[in-house]
Amino acid sequence: MLDAWHLWVIAGLVLWIVEIFTSGFVVGLFATACLAVAPFAGANVSFKMQLLVFGVATVIMTLGVRPLVLKHFYGQDPKIRTNVDALIGKSGFVTETIDHQRGSERVKIDGEIWRAITQNESPVEIGRKVTVREVEGNKLVVETITEKEGNAS
């Protein structure tokens, strides 16, 4: 027959297995709390005391350990930009004249062709170097780079 501490250990292990398939490190809190109760159950502490230890361990894990785990494993460095946000500040070349009257404006940034517009709606000829200032939907808002800026970078 299984003792109470066996049940706490089994519950803890099962919950850790469940944690592997979930995200957010919530089930792992309860799994660790179960494992913390097992020695008390092995010492034949009353069931009420075991539940109290379980509750305290869960609170400690929630307030103390979970924020650290989330920061370490799930946190993102705000300095790292991804997807289209990573294009902001990059330079490229105009491949189709940017002219708001025509509507077929294209630039090449990092080997990819993008639709582009300028903030002041000024035309930009093919071959001019531009810098991405922002992203609006599926268009890049670009600004031409003058010769002085191009040589400085």
C-alpha atoms as a PDB file:
ATOM      1  CA  MET A   1       0.000   0.000   0.000  1.00  0.00           C
ATOM      2  CA  LEU A   2       1.194   3.509  -0.782  1.00  0.00           C
ATOM      3  CA  ASP A   3       2.009   5.907   2.015  1.00  0.00           C
ATOM      4  CA  ALA A   4       0.997   9.574   1.869  1.00  0.00           C
ATOM      5  CA  TRP A   5       4.488  10.707   0.926  1.00  0.00           C
ATOM      6  CA  HIS A   6       4.420   8.333  -2.063  1.00  0.00           C
ATOM      7  CA  LEU A   7       1.249  10.024  -3.292  1.00  0.00           C
ATOM      8  CA  TRP A   8       2.790  13.510  -2.947  1.00  0.00           C
ATOM      9  CA  VAL A   9       5.894  12.419  -4.892  1.00  0.00           C
ATOM     10  CA  ILE A  10       3.807  10.748  -7.609  1.00  0.00           C
ATOM     11  CA  ALA A  11       1.590  13.847  -7.874  1.00  0.00           C
ATOM     12  CA  GLY A  12       4.680  16.059  -8.113  1.00  0.00           C
ATOM     13  CA  LEU A  13       6.263  13.934 -10.849  1.00  0.00           C
ATOM     14  CA  VAL A  14       3.029  13.731 -12.848  1.00  0.00           C
ATOM     15  CA  LEU A  15       2.586  17.492 -12.596  1.00  0.00           C
ATOM     16  CA  TRP A  16       6.181  18.079 -13.748  1.00  0.00           C
ATOM     17  CA  ILE A  17       5.488  15.876 -16.773  1.00  0.00           C
ATOM     18  CA  VAL A  18       2.375  17.953 -17.476  1.00  0.00           C
ATOM     19  CA  GLU A  19       4.491  21.127 -17.123  1.00  0.00           C
ATOM     20  CA  ILE A  20       6.700  19.941 -19.967  1.00  0.00           C
ATOM     21  CA  PHE A  21       3.721  20.173 -22.320  1.00  0.00           C
ATOM     22  CA  THR A  22       2.398  23.519 -21.070  1.00  0.00           C
ATOM     23  CA  SER A  23       3.798  27.017 -20.944  1.00  0.00           C
ATOM     24  CA  GLY A  24       3.919  29.702 -18.314  1.00  0.00           C
ATOM     25  CA  PHE A  25       5.441  27.697 -15.449  1.00  0.00           C
ATOM     26  CA  VAL A  26       2.197  27.322 -13.486  1.00  0.00           C
ATOM     27  CA  VAL A  27       1.835  23.564 -13.186  1.00  0.00           C
ATOM     28  CA  GLY A  28       5.501  23.387 -12.141  1.00  0.00           C
ATOM     29  CA  LEU A  29       4.679  25.516  -9.096  1.00  0.00           C
ATOM     30  CA  PHE A  30       2.211  22.923  -7.843  1.00  0.00           C
ATOM     31  CA  ALA A  31       4.566  20.079  -8.766  1.00  0.00           C
ATOM     32  CA  THR A  32       7.349  21.575  -6.687  1.00  0.00           C
ATOM     33  CA  ALA A  33       4.956  22.247  -3.810  1.00  0.00           C
ATOM     34  CA  CYS A  34       3.909  18.573  -3.870  1.00  0.00           C
ATOM     35  CA  LEU A  35       7.529  17.506  -3.658  1.00  0.00           C
ATOM     36  CA  ALA A  36       8.078  19.937  -0.756  1.00  0.00           C
ATOM     37  CA  VAL A  37       5.218  18.304   1.178  1.00  0.00           C
ATOM     38  CA  ALA A  38       6.505  14.737   0.715  1.00  0.00           C
ATOM     39  CA  PRO A  39       9.075  14.851   3.596  1.00  0.00           C
ATOM     40  CA  PHE A  40       6.398  16.183   5.959  1.00  0.00           C
ATOM     41  CA  ALA A  41       4.044  13.402   4.911  1.00  0.00           C
ATOM     42  CA  GLY A  42       6.881  10.902   5.455  1.00  0.00           C
ATOM     43  CA  ALA A  43       7.253  12.239   8.992  1.00  0.00           C
ATOM     44  CA  ASN A  44       3.539  11.483   9.613  1.00  0.00           C
ATOM     45  CA  VAL A  45       2.545  15.136   9.987  1.00  0.00           C
ATOM     46  CA  SER A  46      -1.233  15.652   9.998  1.00  0.00           C
ATOM     47  CA  PHE A  47      -3.027  16.110   6.685  1.00  0.00           C
ATOM     48  CA  LYS A  48      -4.036  19.669   7.651  1.00  0.00           C
ATOM     49  CA  MET A  49      -0.381  20.525   8.214  1.00  0.00           C
ATOM     50  CA  GLN A  50       0.530  18.943   4.873  1.00  0.00           C
ATOM     51  CA  LEU A  51      -2.046  21.161   3.152  1.00  0.00           C
ATOM     52  CA  LEU A  52      -0.632  24.187   4.964  1.00  0.00           C
ATOM     53  CA  VAL A  53       2.895  23.314   3.786  1.00  0.00           C
ATOM     54  CA  PHE A  54       1.530  22.843   0.269  1.00  0.00           C
ATOM     55  CA  GLY A  55      -0.117  26.273   0.358  1.00  0.00           C
ATOM     56  CA  VAL A  56       2.946  28.033   1.755  1.00  0.00           C
ATOM     57  CA  ALA A  57       5.232  26.331  -0.768  1.00  0.00           C
ATOM     58  CA  THR A  58       2.907  27.346  -3.607  1.00  0.00           C
ATOM     59  CA  VAL A  59       2.861  30.976  -2.459  1.00  0.00           C
ATOM     60  CA  ILE A  60       6.651  31.054  -2.101  1.00  0.00           C
ATOM     61  CA  MET A  61       7.079  29.566  -5.567  1.00  0.00           C
ATOM     62  CA  THR A  62       4.540  31.951  -7.080  1.00  0.00           C
ATOM     63  CA  LEU A  63       5.985  35.104  -5.563  1.00  0.00           C
ATOM     64  CA  GLY A  64       9.661  34.216  -5.460  1.00  0.00           C
ATOM     65  CA  VAL A  65      10.633  31.661  -8.056  1.00  0.00           C
ATOM     66  CA  ARG A  66       8.110  32.075 -10.886  1.00  0.00           C
ATOM     67  CA  PRO A  67       9.084  35.686 -11.758  1.00  0.00           C
ATOM     68  CA  LEU A  68      12.726  34.642 -11.979  1.00  0.00           C
ATOM     69  CA  VAL A  69      11.945  31.640 -14.171  1.00  0.00           C
ATOM     70  CA  LEU A  70       9.727  33.677 -16.491  1.00  0.00           C
ATOM     71  CA  LYS A  71      12.341  36.409 -16.798  1.00  0.00           C
ATOM     72  CA  HIS A  72      15.123  33.946 -17.513  1.00  0.00           C
ATOM     73  CA  PHE A  73      13.337  31.571 -19.889  1.00  0.00           C
ATOM     74  CA  TYR A  74      10.511  33.598 -21.389  1.00  0.00           C
ATOM     75  CA  GLY A  75      11.821  37.152 -21.191  1.00  0.00           C
ATOM     76  CA  GLN A  76      12.746  39.018 -24.325  1.00  0.00           C
ATOM     77  CA  ASP A  77      15.390  41.651 -24.551  1.00  0.00           C
ATOM     78  CA  PRO A  78      13.578  44.838 -25.586  1.00  0.00           C
ATOM     79  CA  LYS A  79      16.662  45.802 -27.603  1.00  0.00           C
ATOM     80  CA  ILE A  80      16.212  42.830 -29.930  1.00  0.00           C
ATOM     81  CA  ARG A  81      13.834  43.674 -32.757  1.00  0.00           C
ATOM     82  CA  THR A  82      12.307  40.964 -34.905  1.00  0.00           C
ATOM     83  CA  ASN A  83      10.181  40.637 -38.021  1.00  0.00           C
ATOM     84  CA  VAL A  84       9.475  43.925 -39.799  1.00  0.00           C
ATOM     85  CA  ASP A  85      10.525  45.922 -36.734  1.00  0.00           C
ATOM     86  CA  ALA A  86      14.076  44.771 -37.429  1.00  0.00           C
ATOM     87  CA  LEU A  87      13.978  46.690 -40.732  1.00  0.00           C
ATOM     88  CA  ILE A  88      13.724  50.073 -39.011  1.00  0.00           C
ATOM     89  CA  GLY A  89      17.034  51.884 -39.385  1.00  0.00           C
ATOM     90  CA  LYS A  90      18.337  49.612 -42.156  1.00  0.00           C
ATOM     91  CA  SER A  91      19.483  50.971 -45.481  1.00  0.00           C
ATOM     92  CA  GLY A  92      18.698  49.826 -48.968  1.00  0.00           C
ATOM     93  CA  PHE A  93      18.271  50.970 -52.558  1.00  0.00           C
ATOM     94  CA  VAL A  94      15.284  52.083 -54.612  1.00  0.00           C
ATOM     95  CA  THR A  95      14.502  49.491 -57.320  1.00  0.00           C
ATOM     96  CA  GLU A  96      11.361  51.174 -58.712  1.00  0.00           C
ATOM     97  CA  THR A  97      10.965  54.935 -58.580  1.00  0.00           C
ATOM     98  CA  ILE A  98       9.076  56.072 -55.518  1.00  0.00           C
ATOM     99  CA  ASP A  99       6.353  58.247 -56.978  1.00  0.00           C
ATOM    100  CA  HIS A 100       3.041  58.511 -55.163  1.00  0.00           C
ATOM    101  CA  GLN A 101       1.254  59.215 -58.441  1.00  0.00           C
ATOM    102  CA  ARG A 102       2.287  55.901 -60.042  1.00  0.00           C
ATOM    103  CA  GLY A 103       1.787  53.631 -57.048  1.00  0.00           C
ATOM    104  CA  SER A 104       4.526  51.086 -57.770  1.00  0.00           C
ATOM    105  CA  GLU A 105       7.287  52.033 -55.378  1.00  0.00           C
ATOM    106  CA  ARG A 106       9.849  49.400 -54.438  1.00  0.00           C
ATOM    107  CA  VAL A 107      13.039  49.256 -52.399  1.00  0.00           C
ATOM    108  CA  LYS A 108      15.478  46.449 -51.745  1.00  0.00           C
ATOM    109  CA  ILE A 109      16.429  45.957 -48.087  1.00  0.00           C
ATOM    110  CA  ASP A 110      18.643  43.021 -47.081  1.00  0.00           C
ATOM    111  CA  GLY A 111      17.933  41.244 -50.353  1.00  0.00           C
ATOM    112  CA  GLU A 112      14.144  41.542 -50.092  1.00  0.00           C
ATOM    113  CA  ILE A 113      11.904  43.777 -52.187  1.00  0.00           C
ATOM    114  CA  TRP A 114       9.396  45.922 -50.252  1.00  0.00           C
ATOM    115  CA  ARG A 115       6.775  48.507 -51.154  1.00  0.00           C
ATOM    116  CA  ALA A 116       7.922  51.896 -49.970  1.00  0.00           C
ATOM    117  CA  ILE A 117       6.671  55.425 -49.478  1.00  0.00           C
ATOM    118  CA  THR A 118       8.219  58.645 -48.232  1.00  0.00           C
ATOM    119  CA  GLN A 119       6.738  60.755 -45.470  1.00  0.00           C
ATOM    120  CA  ASN A 120       6.700  63.950 -47.505  1.00  0.00           C
ATOM    121  CA  GLU A 121       5.549  62.191 -50.714  1.00  0.00           C
ATOM    122  CA  SER A 122       8.639  63.363 -52.581  1.00  0.00           C
ATOM    123  CA  PRO A 123       9.737  61.224 -55.545  1.00  0.00           C
ATOM    124  CA  VAL A 124      12.931  59.182 -55.264  1.00  0.00           C
ATOM    125  CA  GLU A 125      14.741  57.826 -58.336  1.00  0.00           C
ATOM    126  CA  ILE A 126      15.980  54.291 -58.946  1.00  0.00           C
ATOM    127  CA  GLY A 127      19.347  53.562 -57.358  1.00  0.00           C
ATOM    128  CA  ARG A 128      19.107  56.128 -54.546  1.00  0.00           C
ATOM    129  CA  LYS A 129      20.092  54.912 -51.111  1.00  0.00           C
ATOM    130  CA  VAL A 130      17.311  55.062 -48.496  1.00  0.00           C
ATOM    131  CA  THR A 131      16.865  54.310 -44.801  1.00  0.00           C
ATOM    132  CA  VAL A 132      13.756  52.742 -43.300  1.00  0.00           C
ATOM    133  CA  ARG A 133      12.175  55.086 -40.729  1.00  0.00           C
ATOM    134  CA  GLU A 134       8.997  53.129 -39.880  1.00  0.00           C
ATOM    135  CA  VAL A 135       6.608  50.458 -41.102  1.00  0.00           C
ATOM    136  CA  GLU A 136       2.999  51.173 -42.078  1.00  0.00           C
ATOM    137  CA  GLY A 137       1.093  47.990 -42.805  1.00  0.00           C
ATOM    138  CA  ASN A 138       2.991  46.296 -45.622  1.00  0.00           C
ATOM    139  CA  LYS A 139       4.868  49.441 -46.710  1.00  0.00           C
ATOM    140  CA  LEU A 140       8.142  50.819 -45.501  1.00  0.00           C
ATOM    141  CA  VAL A 141       8.364  54.543 -44.853  1.00  0.00           C
ATOM    142  CA  VAL A 142      11.798  55.495 -46.158  1.00  0.00           C
ATOM    143  CA  GLU A 143      13.988  58.566 -46.209  1.00  0.00           C
ATOM    144  CA  THR A 144      16.698  59.273 -48.765  1.00  0.00           C
ATOM    145  CA  ILE A 145      20.268  59.310 -47.564  1.00  0.00           C
ATOM    146  CA  THR A 146      22.303  62.287 -48.680  1.00  0.00           C
ATOM    147  CA  GLU A 147      25.904  61.861 -49.803  1.00  0.00           C
ATOM    148  CA  LYS A 148      27.173  63.296 -46.487  1.00  0.00           C
ATOM    149  CA  GLU A 149      25.091  60.790 -44.432  1.00  0.00           C
ATOM    150  CA  GLY A 150      26.064  57.902 -46.726  1.00  0.00           C
ATOM    151  CA  ASN A 151      29.790  58.572 -46.296  1.00  0.00           C
ATOM    152  CA  ALA A 152      29.499  58.981 -42.516  1.00  0.00           C
ATOM    153  CA  SER A 153      28.083  55.477 -41.967  1.00  0.00           C
END
